[in-house]
Amino acid sequence: MKNRQEPPKPPSPKRIVNVISGGEDFNGVTYTAANKVSKVTITHEKRVRHVLEEESITFDDADADGVLSPHNDTLVISLLVHDTNVKRVLIDLGSSMNIILLRVLRKMQAEDKLIPKAHTLSGFDNSSVVTKGGVIRTIFAEGVVKDTKFQVVNMEMAYNMILGRPWIHEMDIGPSTLHQVIKFPSPWGICQIRGDQHTSRSINSVADSSTGNEEK
């Protein structure tokens, strides 16, 4: 493999969005199915092959090192969004839109960037929520920079942000909930961002507890 330059350093975050209290299911979560001993290979389209040369995205047992198994945990990561380090970001193949909370946008001091245009989003149980509008924020992921469109919602949920198929496909991401990692191509080779399994479990634990209380 040819030597490559290191990816550029992202700007230093000015603030951190960490915990959003409370929780409400908004989208169904799609789990990536794979057997522990299998090797998953994703071959990208021609538009990225000139960058990757002979590389492809693979998942194997080594990617699961440090992952608590067996599990059904969601894939939750942290990302630098514009100038804010955002935690509790859900990677959700089941979502057809990228979603950000209004209160997170306010924390970013970017509410003035909101373009008012309501959309109705529907969940897997036919519940719906009307968005406040759209906003474009820049996401920095291991040197790969993408201006990303979000739908803004004013509600409580356990995640600060949901990155759905638009961002996943635009980034050519191969996500694996089983291995708790996302991988994607870049001019510097295959990059990866590890999931925060501890945070994912704490969110699911709160959700399970809330459900249990409602059933009593």
N, C-alpha and C. Protein backbone atom coordinates (compact mmCIF):
# COMPACT_ATOMS: atom_id res chain seq x y z
N MET A 1 0.84 -1.19 0.00
CA MET A 1 0.00 0.00 0.00
C MET A 1 0.87 1.24 0.00
N LYS A 2 0.52 2.23 -0.83
CA LYS A 2 1.30 3.44 -0.90
C LYS A 2 1.11 4.25 0.37
N ASN A 3 2.18 4.96 0.75
CA ASN A 3 2.07 5.84 1.90
C ASN A 3 1.11 6.98 1.59
N ARG A 4 0.29 7.30 2.55
CA ARG A 4 -0.67 8.37 2.37
C ARG A 4 -0.44 9.44 3.41
N GLN A 5 -0.83 10.64 3.07
CA GLN A 5 -0.77 11.72 4.03
C GLN A 5 -1.80 11.50 5.12
N GLU A 6 -1.55 12.10 6.26
CA GLU A 6 -2.51 12.02 7.35
C GLU A 6 -3.70 12.93 7.05
N PRO A 7 -4.91 12.56 7.50
CA PRO A 7 -6.07 13.43 7.28
C PRO A 7 -5.90 14.75 8.03
N PRO A 8 -6.50 15.82 7.52
CA PRO A 8 -6.37 17.12 8.19
C PRO A 8 -7.04 17.09 9.56
N LYS A 9 -6.50 17.86 10.48
CA LYS A 9 -7.09 17.92 11.81
C LYS A 9 -8.35 18.77 11.78
N PRO A 10 -9.43 18.30 12.46
CA PRO A 10 -10.66 19.09 12.50
C PRO A 10 -10.48 20.30 13.41
N PRO A 11 -11.35 21.29 13.30
CA PRO A 11 -11.26 22.43 14.21
C PRO A 11 -11.53 22.01 15.65
N SER A 12 -10.97 22.71 16.60
CA SER A 12 -11.19 22.39 18.00
C SER A 12 -12.63 22.75 18.39
N PRO A 13 -13.33 21.84 19.07
CA PRO A 13 -14.72 22.13 19.45
C PRO A 13 -14.79 23.25 20.48
N LYS A 14 -15.79 24.09 20.35
CA LYS A 14 -16.01 25.17 21.29
C LYS A 14 -16.92 24.75 22.44
N ARG A 15 -17.67 23.67 22.21
CA ARG A 15 -18.62 23.23 23.23
C ARG A 15 -18.90 21.74 23.04
N ILE A 16 -19.54 21.14 24.03
CA ILE A 16 -19.87 19.72 24.00
C ILE A 16 -21.35 19.56 24.31
N VAL A 17 -22.05 18.77 23.52
CA VAL A 17 -23.41 18.37 23.82
C VAL A 17 -23.34 16.92 24.27
N ASN A 18 -23.62 16.70 25.53
CA ASN A 18 -23.41 15.38 26.10
C ASN A 18 -24.72 14.63 26.32
N VAL A 19 -25.40 14.90 27.40
CA VAL A 19 -26.55 14.10 27.80
C VAL A 19 -27.84 14.87 27.60
N ILE A 20 -28.79 14.24 26.94
CA ILE A 20 -30.15 14.74 26.88
C ILE A 20 -30.98 13.86 27.80
N SER A 21 -31.58 14.44 28.83
CA SER A 21 -32.34 13.65 29.79
C SER A 21 -33.68 13.25 29.19
N GLY A 22 -34.27 12.22 29.77
CA GLY A 22 -35.54 11.73 29.26
C GLY A 22 -35.33 10.82 28.08
N GLY A 23 -36.41 10.32 27.53
CA GLY A 23 -36.26 9.44 26.39
C GLY A 23 -37.60 9.12 25.77
N GLU A 24 -37.62 9.05 24.45
CA GLU A 24 -38.83 8.69 23.74
C GLU A 24 -38.43 8.02 22.44
N ASP A 25 -39.01 6.86 22.19
CA ASP A 25 -38.70 6.17 20.95
C ASP A 25 -39.17 6.99 19.77
N PHE A 26 -38.31 7.12 18.77
CA PHE A 26 -38.68 7.92 17.61
C PHE A 26 -38.62 7.09 16.34
N ASN A 27 -37.58 6.33 16.20
CA ASN A 27 -37.42 5.49 15.01
C ASN A 27 -37.10 4.07 15.43
N GLY A 28 -37.51 3.12 14.62
CA GLY A 28 -37.07 1.76 14.85
C GLY A 28 -35.59 1.66 14.56
N VAL A 29 -34.91 0.79 15.25
CA VAL A 29 -33.47 0.64 15.06
C VAL A 29 -33.22 -0.63 14.27
N THR A 30 -32.46 -0.53 13.23
CA THR A 30 -32.13 -1.67 12.40
C THR A 30 -30.79 -2.25 12.82
N TYR A 31 -30.76 -3.51 13.18
CA TYR A 31 -29.52 -4.15 13.58
C TYR A 31 -28.87 -4.84 12.38
N THR A 32 -27.56 -4.74 12.32
CA THR A 32 -26.81 -5.41 11.27
C THR A 32 -26.62 -6.88 11.66
N ALA A 33 -27.16 -7.77 10.87
CA ALA A 33 -27.09 -9.19 11.21
C ALA A 33 -25.82 -9.81 10.64
N ALA A 34 -25.10 -10.52 11.49
CA ALA A 34 -23.89 -11.21 11.02
C ALA A 34 -23.52 -12.29 12.03
N ASN A 35 -23.02 -13.40 11.56
CA ASN A 35 -22.53 -14.42 12.47
C ASN A 35 -21.15 -14.05 12.97
N LYS A 36 -20.83 -14.46 14.18
CA LYS A 36 -19.58 -14.07 14.79
C LYS A 36 -18.38 -14.52 13.97
N VAL A 37 -18.48 -15.66 13.34
CA VAL A 37 -17.31 -16.20 12.62
C VAL A 37 -17.29 -15.77 11.16
N SER A 38 -18.30 -15.03 10.73
CA SER A 38 -18.34 -14.66 9.32
C SER A 38 -17.51 -13.42 9.05
N LYS A 39 -17.14 -13.25 7.80
CA LYS A 39 -16.41 -12.06 7.37
C LYS A 39 -17.28 -11.31 6.37
N VAL A 40 -17.57 -10.06 6.67
CA VAL A 40 -18.44 -9.26 5.83
C VAL A 40 -17.59 -8.33 4.98
N THR A 41 -17.79 -8.36 3.69
CA THR A 41 -17.02 -7.50 2.79
C THR A 41 -17.97 -6.61 2.02
N ILE A 42 -17.66 -5.32 1.97
CA ILE A 42 -18.46 -4.36 1.23
C ILE A 42 -17.60 -3.79 0.11
N THR A 43 -18.05 -3.95 -1.12
CA THR A 43 -17.31 -3.42 -2.26
C THR A 43 -17.99 -2.14 -2.71
N HIS A 44 -17.22 -1.08 -2.87
CA HIS A 44 -17.77 0.22 -3.20
C HIS A 44 -17.86 0.42 -4.72
N GLU A 45 -18.65 1.42 -5.08
CA GLU A 45 -18.84 1.75 -6.49
C GLU A 45 -17.55 2.33 -7.08
N LYS A 46 -17.54 2.46 -8.39
CA LYS A 46 -16.35 2.94 -9.10
C LYS A 46 -15.93 4.33 -8.65
N ARG A 47 -16.90 5.14 -8.18
CA ARG A 47 -16.57 6.52 -7.85
C ARG A 47 -15.61 6.64 -6.68
N VAL A 48 -15.44 5.58 -5.89
CA VAL A 48 -14.47 5.65 -4.80
C VAL A 48 -13.32 4.68 -4.98
N ARG A 49 -13.37 3.84 -5.99
CA ARG A 49 -12.32 2.84 -6.16
C ARG A 49 -10.98 3.46 -6.48
N HIS A 50 -10.98 4.63 -7.17
CA HIS A 50 -9.71 5.26 -7.49
C HIS A 50 -9.03 5.77 -6.23
N VAL A 51 -9.80 5.98 -5.17
CA VAL A 51 -9.24 6.41 -3.89
C VAL A 51 -8.78 5.22 -3.08
N LEU A 52 -9.59 4.16 -3.12
CA LEU A 52 -9.32 3.01 -2.27
C LEU A 52 -8.30 2.05 -2.85
N GLU A 53 -8.05 2.15 -4.14
CA GLU A 53 -7.20 1.20 -4.84
C GLU A 53 -7.77 -0.21 -4.62
N GLU A 54 -7.04 -1.08 -3.95
CA GLU A 54 -7.51 -2.45 -3.78
C GLU A 54 -8.19 -2.68 -2.44
N GLU A 55 -8.45 -1.62 -1.70
CA GLU A 55 -9.02 -1.78 -0.37
C GLU A 55 -10.52 -1.97 -0.42
N SER A 56 -11.04 -2.67 0.56
CA SER A 56 -12.49 -2.80 0.73
C SER A 56 -12.78 -2.80 2.22
N ILE A 57 -14.03 -2.55 2.54
CA ILE A 57 -14.44 -2.53 3.95
C ILE A 57 -14.80 -3.95 4.38
N THR A 58 -14.17 -4.40 5.44
CA THR A 58 -14.43 -5.74 5.97
C THR A 58 -14.66 -5.67 7.47
N PHE A 59 -15.42 -6.65 7.96
CA PHE A 59 -15.62 -6.81 9.40
C PHE A 59 -15.29 -8.26 9.75
N ASP A 60 -14.49 -8.45 10.78
CA ASP A 60 -14.20 -9.80 11.24
C ASP A 60 -14.11 -9.80 12.76
N ASP A 61 -13.69 -10.93 13.33
CA ASP A 61 -13.66 -11.07 14.79
C ASP A 61 -12.78 -10.03 15.46
N ALA A 62 -11.72 -9.59 14.78
CA ALA A 62 -10.82 -8.60 15.38
C ALA A 62 -11.54 -7.28 15.64
N ASP A 63 -12.54 -6.97 14.83
CA ASP A 63 -13.29 -5.73 15.03
C ASP A 63 -14.16 -5.78 16.27
N ALA A 64 -14.42 -6.97 16.76
CA ALA A 64 -15.27 -7.12 17.94
C ALA A 64 -14.46 -7.14 19.24
N ASP A 65 -13.15 -6.97 19.16
CA ASP A 65 -12.33 -6.94 20.37
C ASP A 65 -12.80 -5.81 21.28
N GLY A 66 -13.04 -6.15 22.54
CA GLY A 66 -13.50 -5.16 23.50
C GLY A 66 -15.00 -4.97 23.54
N VAL A 67 -15.71 -5.59 22.60
CA VAL A 67 -17.17 -5.49 22.57
C VAL A 67 -17.77 -6.53 23.50
N LEU A 68 -18.70 -6.09 24.34
CA LEU A 68 -19.38 -7.01 25.25
C LEU A 68 -20.41 -7.81 24.47
N SER A 69 -20.23 -9.13 24.46
CA SER A 69 -21.12 -10.00 23.70
C SER A 69 -21.65 -11.12 24.59
N PRO A 70 -22.81 -11.69 24.23
CA PRO A 70 -23.69 -11.29 23.12
C PRO A 70 -24.41 -9.99 23.44
N HIS A 71 -24.88 -9.30 22.41
CA HIS A 71 -25.57 -8.03 22.65
C HIS A 71 -26.52 -7.71 21.52
N ASN A 72 -27.45 -6.81 21.77
CA ASN A 72 -28.33 -6.25 20.75
C ASN A 72 -28.27 -4.73 20.84
N ASP A 73 -27.09 -4.20 21.11
CA ASP A 73 -26.94 -2.77 21.37
C ASP A 73 -26.98 -1.96 20.08
N THR A 74 -27.55 -0.76 20.19
CA THR A 74 -27.55 0.17 19.08
C THR A 74 -26.14 0.71 18.87
N LEU A 75 -25.92 1.34 17.73
CA LEU A 75 -24.61 1.90 17.40
C LEU A 75 -24.64 3.40 17.66
N VAL A 76 -23.97 3.82 18.74
CA VAL A 76 -23.97 5.21 19.19
C VAL A 76 -22.54 5.73 19.17
N ILE A 77 -22.32 6.87 18.51
CA ILE A 77 -20.98 7.43 18.39
C ILE A 77 -20.97 8.89 18.82
N SER A 78 -19.79 9.50 18.79
CA SER A 78 -19.63 10.94 19.00
C SER A 78 -19.01 11.53 17.74
N LEU A 79 -19.43 12.76 17.39
CA LEU A 79 -18.93 13.41 16.19
C LEU A 79 -18.76 14.91 16.42
N LEU A 80 -17.82 15.48 15.71
CA LEU A 80 -17.68 16.93 15.70
C LEU A 80 -18.61 17.48 14.63
N VAL A 81 -19.59 18.28 15.05
CA VAL A 81 -20.56 18.88 14.15
C VAL A 81 -20.38 20.39 14.20
N HIS A 82 -19.91 20.96 13.10
CA HIS A 82 -19.51 22.36 13.03
C HIS A 82 -18.43 22.61 14.08
N ASP A 83 -18.75 23.30 15.16
CA ASP A 83 -17.74 23.55 16.19
C ASP A 83 -18.12 22.93 17.53
N THR A 84 -19.00 21.91 17.48
CA THR A 84 -19.52 21.30 18.70
C THR A 84 -19.29 19.80 18.70
N ASN A 85 -18.74 19.29 19.80
CA ASN A 85 -18.56 17.84 19.96
C ASN A 85 -19.88 17.25 20.45
N VAL A 86 -20.56 16.53 19.59
CA VAL A 86 -21.88 15.99 19.90
C VAL A 86 -21.77 14.51 20.25
N LYS A 87 -22.23 14.17 21.44
CA LYS A 87 -22.26 12.78 21.87
C LYS A 87 -23.68 12.23 21.70
N ARG A 88 -23.82 10.93 21.92
CA ARG A 88 -25.12 10.27 21.76
C ARG A 88 -25.70 10.47 20.37
N VAL A 89 -24.90 10.15 19.36
CA VAL A 89 -25.34 10.20 17.97
C VAL A 89 -25.68 8.78 17.53
N LEU A 90 -26.93 8.55 17.19
CA LEU A 90 -27.38 7.22 16.78
C LEU A 90 -27.19 7.02 15.28
N ILE A 91 -26.53 5.94 14.90
CA ILE A 91 -26.42 5.54 13.50
C ILE A 91 -27.59 4.60 13.21
N ASP A 92 -28.52 5.04 12.36
CA ASP A 92 -29.78 4.32 12.20
C ASP A 92 -30.12 4.09 10.73
N LEU A 93 -29.90 2.88 10.26
CA LEU A 93 -30.26 2.52 8.89
C LEU A 93 -31.76 2.54 8.67
N GLY A 94 -32.53 2.54 9.76
CA GLY A 94 -33.98 2.56 9.65
C GLY A 94 -34.56 3.94 9.46
N SER A 95 -33.72 4.96 9.49
CA SER A 95 -34.21 6.34 9.35
C SER A 95 -33.92 6.87 7.96
N SER A 96 -34.93 7.43 7.30
CA SER A 96 -34.76 7.98 5.96
C SER A 96 -34.31 9.44 6.00
N MET A 97 -34.13 10.00 7.20
CA MET A 97 -33.67 11.38 7.33
C MET A 97 -32.65 11.48 8.46
N ASN A 98 -31.85 12.54 8.39
CA ASN A 98 -30.97 12.89 9.50
C ASN A 98 -31.76 13.83 10.42
N ILE A 99 -31.67 13.61 11.71
CA ILE A 99 -32.50 14.34 12.67
C ILE A 99 -31.64 14.93 13.77
N ILE A 100 -31.95 16.16 14.14
CA ILE A 100 -31.27 16.82 15.24
C ILE A 100 -32.32 17.49 16.12
N LEU A 101 -32.10 17.49 17.42
CA LEU A 101 -33.03 18.12 18.34
C LEU A 101 -32.88 19.64 18.30
N LEU A 102 -33.98 20.35 18.46
CA LEU A 102 -33.95 21.80 18.49
C LEU A 102 -33.08 22.31 19.64
N ARG A 103 -33.15 21.65 20.77
CA ARG A 103 -32.37 22.09 21.92
C ARG A 103 -30.87 21.91 21.69
N VAL A 104 -30.50 20.92 20.87
CA VAL A 104 -29.09 20.74 20.52
C VAL A 104 -28.66 21.86 19.58
N LEU A 105 -29.52 22.20 18.64
CA LEU A 105 -29.22 23.31 17.73
C LEU A 105 -29.02 24.61 18.50
N ARG A 106 -29.84 24.81 19.54
CA ARG A 106 -29.69 25.99 20.38
C ARG A 106 -28.36 25.96 21.14
N LYS A 107 -28.00 24.76 21.61
CA LYS A 107 -26.73 24.60 22.30
C LYS A 107 -25.56 24.94 21.38
N MET A 108 -25.72 24.65 20.11
CA MET A 108 -24.70 24.98 19.11
C MET A 108 -24.69 26.47 18.76
N GLN A 109 -25.70 27.20 19.27
CA GLN A 109 -25.88 28.62 18.95
C GLN A 109 -26.09 28.78 17.44
N ALA A 110 -26.91 27.90 16.88
CA ALA A 110 -27.14 27.89 15.43
C ALA A 110 -28.62 27.89 15.08
N GLU A 111 -29.47 28.30 16.03
CA GLU A 111 -30.90 28.30 15.74
C GLU A 111 -31.23 29.26 14.60
N ASP A 112 -30.41 30.30 14.42
CA ASP A 112 -30.66 31.25 13.34
C ASP A 112 -30.41 30.65 11.96
N LYS A 113 -29.79 29.46 11.92
CA LYS A 113 -29.54 28.78 10.65
C LYS A 113 -30.74 27.92 10.22
N LEU A 114 -31.73 27.79 11.09
CA LEU A 114 -32.91 26.97 10.82
C LEU A 114 -33.73 27.56 9.67
N ILE A 115 -34.06 26.72 8.70
CA ILE A 115 -34.92 27.11 7.58
C ILE A 115 -36.31 26.54 7.84
N PRO A 116 -37.27 27.39 8.23
CA PRO A 116 -38.60 26.88 8.60
C PRO A 116 -39.32 26.24 7.41
N LYS A 117 -39.51 24.97 7.48
CA LYS A 117 -40.26 24.23 6.47
C LYS A 117 -40.64 22.89 7.08
N ALA A 118 -41.89 22.79 7.49
CA ALA A 118 -42.33 21.63 8.26
C ALA A 118 -42.45 20.38 7.40
N HIS A 119 -42.03 19.26 7.97
CA HIS A 119 -42.25 17.93 7.39
C HIS A 119 -42.88 17.06 8.48
N THR A 120 -43.66 16.11 8.05
CA THR A 120 -44.22 15.14 8.98
C THR A 120 -43.42 13.85 8.89
N LEU A 121 -42.82 13.46 10.01
CA LEU A 121 -42.04 12.23 10.06
C LEU A 121 -42.85 11.15 10.77
N SER A 122 -42.82 9.97 10.23
CA SER A 122 -43.58 8.85 10.80
C SER A 122 -42.64 7.79 11.34
N GLY A 123 -43.01 7.22 12.50
CA GLY A 123 -42.24 6.15 13.11
C GLY A 123 -42.77 4.80 12.67
N PHE A 124 -42.11 3.74 13.15
CA PHE A 124 -42.50 2.39 12.73
C PHE A 124 -43.89 2.02 13.25
N ASP A 125 -44.38 2.71 14.31
CA ASP A 125 -45.69 2.41 14.87
C ASP A 125 -46.76 3.38 14.36
N ASN A 126 -46.46 4.07 13.26
CA ASN A 126 -47.36 5.03 12.63
C ASN A 126 -47.56 6.31 13.43
N SER A 127 -46.79 6.48 14.51
CA SER A 127 -46.81 7.75 15.21
C SER A 127 -46.10 8.78 14.35
N SER A 128 -46.39 10.05 14.57
CA SER A 128 -45.80 11.08 13.72
C SER A 128 -45.40 12.30 14.53
N VAL A 129 -44.48 13.07 13.99
CA VAL A 129 -44.04 14.32 14.59
C VAL A 129 -43.78 15.31 13.46
N VAL A 130 -44.14 16.56 13.68
CA VAL A 130 -43.94 17.59 12.68
C VAL A 130 -42.63 18.32 12.98
N THR A 131 -41.77 18.42 12.00
CA THR A 131 -40.47 19.06 12.20
C THR A 131 -40.61 20.57 12.25
N LYS A 132 -39.60 21.22 12.81
CA LYS A 132 -39.56 22.68 12.86
C LYS A 132 -38.97 23.26 11.57
N GLY A 133 -38.31 22.42 10.81
CA GLY A 133 -37.67 22.86 9.58
C GLY A 133 -36.38 22.10 9.34
N GLY A 134 -35.54 22.65 8.48
CA GLY A 134 -34.28 22.01 8.15
C GLY A 134 -33.09 22.89 8.46
N VAL A 135 -31.93 22.27 8.58
CA VAL A 135 -30.70 23.00 8.83
C VAL A 135 -29.54 22.21 8.24
N ILE A 136 -28.54 22.91 7.77
CA ILE A 136 -27.34 22.26 7.25
C ILE A 136 -26.19 22.53 8.21
N ARG A 137 -25.57 21.45 8.66
CA ARG A 137 -24.42 21.52 9.57
C ARG A 137 -23.27 20.70 8.98
N THR A 138 -22.06 21.14 9.21
CA THR A 138 -20.88 20.43 8.71
C THR A 138 -20.43 19.38 9.70
N ILE A 139 -20.28 18.15 9.21
CA ILE A 139 -19.82 17.04 10.06
C ILE A 139 -18.39 16.70 9.68
N PHE A 140 -17.53 16.60 10.70
CA PHE A 140 -16.14 16.19 10.52
C PHE A 140 -15.99 14.75 11.03
N ALA A 141 -15.58 13.85 10.14
CA ALA A 141 -15.43 12.45 10.52
C ALA A 141 -14.07 11.94 10.04
N GLU A 142 -13.09 11.94 10.92
CA GLU A 142 -11.76 11.42 10.60
C GLU A 142 -11.19 12.05 9.33
N GLY A 143 -11.34 13.34 9.20
CA GLY A 143 -10.79 14.05 8.04
C GLY A 143 -11.76 14.21 6.89
N VAL A 144 -12.83 13.43 6.87
CA VAL A 144 -13.85 13.55 5.83
C VAL A 144 -14.89 14.57 6.28
N VAL A 145 -15.10 15.59 5.46
CA VAL A 145 -15.98 16.70 5.83
C VAL A 145 -17.19 16.70 4.90
N LYS A 146 -18.39 16.71 5.51
CA LYS A 146 -19.62 16.71 4.72
C LYS A 146 -20.60 17.75 5.27
N ASP A 147 -21.11 18.60 4.40
CA ASP A 147 -22.24 19.46 4.77
C ASP A 147 -23.49 18.59 4.74
N THR A 148 -24.16 18.49 5.88
CA THR A 148 -25.23 17.52 6.05
C THR A 148 -26.54 18.20 6.41
N LYS A 149 -27.60 17.81 5.71
CA LYS A 149 -28.92 18.38 5.98
C LYS A 149 -29.63 17.58 7.07
N PHE A 150 -30.18 18.29 8.04
CA PHE A 150 -30.93 17.69 9.13
C PHE A 150 -32.36 18.22 9.14
N GLN A 151 -33.27 17.37 9.61
CA GLN A 151 -34.60 17.83 10.00
C GLN A 151 -34.55 18.11 11.51
N VAL A 152 -35.12 19.22 11.91
CA VAL A 152 -35.05 19.66 13.31
C VAL A 152 -36.37 19.35 13.99
N VAL A 153 -36.30 18.65 15.13
CA VAL A 153 -37.51 18.31 15.88
C VAL A 153 -37.41 18.88 17.30
N ASN A 154 -38.55 19.29 17.82
CA ASN A 154 -38.63 19.82 19.18
C ASN A 154 -39.33 18.79 20.05
N MET A 155 -38.56 17.88 20.60
CA MET A 155 -39.09 16.79 21.40
C MET A 155 -38.00 16.24 22.29
N GLU A 156 -38.36 15.36 23.18
CA GLU A 156 -37.39 14.69 24.03
C GLU A 156 -37.12 13.30 23.47
N MET A 157 -35.86 12.95 23.37
CA MET A 157 -35.48 11.57 23.06
C MET A 157 -34.11 11.32 23.63
N ALA A 158 -33.72 10.07 23.67
CA ALA A 158 -32.48 9.70 24.35
C ALA A 158 -31.23 10.09 23.58
N TYR A 159 -31.38 10.37 22.27
CA TYR A 159 -30.23 10.70 21.43
C TYR A 159 -30.23 12.18 21.10
N ASN A 160 -29.06 12.74 20.96
CA ASN A 160 -28.94 14.14 20.56
C ASN A 160 -29.16 14.31 19.05
N MET A 161 -28.84 13.26 18.32
CA MET A 161 -28.86 13.34 16.86
C MET A 161 -29.04 11.93 16.30
N ILE A 162 -29.73 11.83 15.17
CA ILE A 162 -29.86 10.56 14.46
C ILE A 162 -29.31 10.75 13.05
N LEU A 163 -28.35 9.95 12.70
CA LEU A 163 -27.82 9.96 11.34
C LEU A 163 -28.38 8.75 10.60
N GLY A 164 -29.22 9.04 9.61
CA GLY A 164 -29.89 7.98 8.88
C GLY A 164 -29.25 7.70 7.53
N ARG A 165 -30.03 7.12 6.65
CA ARG A 165 -29.50 6.66 5.37
C ARG A 165 -28.90 7.78 4.51
N PRO A 166 -29.42 9.02 4.54
CA PRO A 166 -28.79 10.05 3.69
C PRO A 166 -27.31 10.24 4.00
N TRP A 167 -26.95 10.35 5.28
CA TRP A 167 -25.54 10.53 5.64
C TRP A 167 -24.76 9.24 5.46
N ILE A 168 -25.36 8.12 5.84
CA ILE A 168 -24.69 6.82 5.73
C ILE A 168 -24.33 6.54 4.27
N HIS A 169 -25.25 6.80 3.37
CA HIS A 169 -25.00 6.53 1.95
C HIS A 169 -24.05 7.56 1.34
N GLU A 170 -24.20 8.82 1.73
CA GLU A 170 -23.31 9.85 1.20
C GLU A 170 -21.86 9.59 1.59
N MET A 171 -21.65 9.03 2.76
CA MET A 171 -20.31 8.74 3.26
C MET A 171 -19.81 7.36 2.82
N ASP A 172 -20.66 6.59 2.13
CA ASP A 172 -20.30 5.20 1.75
C ASP A 172 -19.94 4.37 2.99
N ILE A 173 -20.72 4.54 4.03
CA ILE A 173 -20.40 3.91 5.31
C ILE A 173 -20.86 2.45 5.34
N GLY A 174 -20.01 1.62 5.90
CA GLY A 174 -20.38 0.28 6.26
C GLY A 174 -20.53 0.23 7.77
N PRO A 175 -21.78 0.20 8.29
CA PRO A 175 -21.97 0.14 9.73
C PRO A 175 -22.16 -1.30 10.22
N SER A 176 -21.68 -1.59 11.40
CA SER A 176 -21.93 -2.90 12.00
C SER A 176 -22.26 -2.71 13.47
N THR A 177 -23.53 -2.96 13.81
CA THR A 177 -23.90 -2.91 15.22
C THR A 177 -23.25 -4.07 15.97
N LEU A 178 -23.10 -5.21 15.28
CA LEU A 178 -22.48 -6.38 15.91
C LEU A 178 -21.07 -6.05 16.39
N HIS A 179 -20.29 -5.39 15.55
CA HIS A 179 -18.91 -5.06 15.88
C HIS A 179 -18.76 -3.68 16.51
N GLN A 180 -19.89 -2.94 16.63
CA GLN A 180 -19.90 -1.62 17.24
C GLN A 180 -18.89 -0.66 16.59
N VAL A 181 -19.01 -0.53 15.27
CA VAL A 181 -18.07 0.32 14.54
C VAL A 181 -18.69 0.72 13.20
N ILE A 182 -18.34 1.92 12.73
CA ILE A 182 -18.63 2.27 11.34
C ILE A 182 -17.30 2.42 10.61
N LYS A 183 -17.29 2.03 9.34
CA LYS A 183 -16.09 2.17 8.51
C LYS A 183 -16.49 2.86 7.21
N PHE A 184 -15.56 3.66 6.68
CA PHE A 184 -15.87 4.41 5.47
C PHE A 184 -14.58 4.75 4.73
N PRO A 185 -14.66 4.93 3.40
CA PRO A 185 -13.47 5.23 2.62
C PRO A 185 -13.08 6.70 2.74
N SER A 186 -11.81 6.96 2.55
CA SER A 186 -11.29 8.32 2.54
C SER A 186 -10.04 8.35 1.67
N PRO A 187 -9.55 9.53 1.32
CA PRO A 187 -8.29 9.59 0.57
C PRO A 187 -7.11 9.02 1.33
N TRP A 188 -7.30 8.75 2.64
CA TRP A 188 -6.20 8.24 3.47
C TRP A 188 -6.40 6.77 3.80
N GLY A 189 -7.33 6.11 3.10
CA GLY A 189 -7.60 4.71 3.37
C GLY A 189 -8.94 4.54 4.07
N ILE A 190 -9.16 3.34 4.59
CA ILE A 190 -10.40 3.06 5.29
C ILE A 190 -10.32 3.64 6.71
N CYS A 191 -11.27 4.49 7.04
CA CYS A 191 -11.34 5.08 8.38
C CYS A 191 -12.43 4.38 9.18
N GLN A 192 -12.35 4.51 10.49
CA GLN A 192 -13.38 3.92 11.32
C GLN A 192 -13.63 4.78 12.55
N ILE A 193 -14.86 4.68 13.06
CA ILE A 193 -15.25 5.32 14.32
C ILE A 193 -15.92 4.26 15.17
N ARG A 194 -15.39 4.06 16.37
CA ARG A 194 -15.93 3.04 17.26
C ARG A 194 -17.20 3.54 17.94
N GLY A 195 -18.11 2.62 18.17
CA GLY A 195 -19.32 2.95 18.92
C GLY A 195 -19.05 2.98 20.41
N ASP A 196 -19.90 3.69 21.12
CA ASP A 196 -19.83 3.76 22.59
C ASP A 196 -20.87 2.81 23.15
N GLN A 197 -20.46 1.56 23.36
CA GLN A 197 -21.40 0.53 23.79
C GLN A 197 -21.93 0.81 25.19
N HIS A 198 -21.10 1.39 26.05
CA HIS A 198 -21.55 1.70 27.41
C HIS A 198 -22.71 2.70 27.37
N THR A 199 -22.56 3.75 26.55
CA THR A 199 -23.64 4.74 26.43
C THR A 199 -24.88 4.12 25.83
N SER A 200 -24.71 3.28 24.80
CA SER A 200 -25.85 2.61 24.19
C SER A 200 -26.62 1.79 25.21
N ARG A 201 -25.88 1.07 26.06
CA ARG A 201 -26.54 0.23 27.06
C ARG A 201 -27.25 1.06 28.13
N SER A 202 -26.64 2.19 28.49
CA SER A 202 -27.27 3.04 29.50
C SER A 202 -28.57 3.63 28.96
N ILE A 203 -28.59 4.00 27.67
CA ILE A 203 -29.81 4.53 27.06
C ILE A 203 -30.89 3.45 27.01
N ASN A 204 -30.52 2.26 26.56
CA ASN A 204 -31.49 1.17 26.45
C ASN A 204 -31.99 0.75 27.82
N SER A 205 -31.12 0.83 28.84
CA SER A 205 -31.52 0.48 30.19
C SER A 205 -32.59 1.43 30.71
N VAL A 206 -32.40 2.73 30.44
CA VAL A 206 -33.40 3.73 30.85
C VAL A 206 -34.71 3.50 30.12
N ALA A 207 -34.63 3.19 28.81
CA ALA A 207 -35.83 2.95 28.02
C ALA A 207 -36.57 1.72 28.52
N ASP A 208 -35.83 0.65 28.83
CA ASP A 208 -36.46 -0.57 29.35
C ASP A 208 -37.12 -0.31 30.69
N SER A 209 -36.46 0.50 31.54
CA SER A 209 -37.01 0.82 32.85
C SER A 209 -38.30 1.62 32.71
N SER A 210 -38.33 2.57 31.78
CA SER A 210 -39.52 3.38 31.56
C SER A 210 -40.67 2.53 31.07
N THR A 211 -40.38 1.60 30.16
CA THR A 211 -41.39 0.71 29.64
C THR A 211 -41.98 -0.17 30.73
N GLY A 212 -41.08 -0.66 31.62
CA GLY A 212 -41.52 -1.50 32.72
C GLY A 212 -42.44 -0.77 33.67
N ASN A 213 -42.13 0.49 33.94
CA ASN A 213 -42.97 1.29 34.84
C ASN A 213 -44.35 1.55 34.25
N GLU A 214 -44.40 1.74 32.92
CA GLU A 214 -45.66 1.99 32.27
C GLU A 214 -46.56 0.76 32.29
N GLU A 215 -45.95 -0.43 32.29
CA GLU A 215 -46.72 -1.66 32.27
C GLU A 215 -47.27 -2.05 33.62
N LYS A 216 -46.75 -1.43 34.69
CA LYS A 216 -47.22 -1.79 36.04
C LYS A 216 -48.61 -1.24 36.31
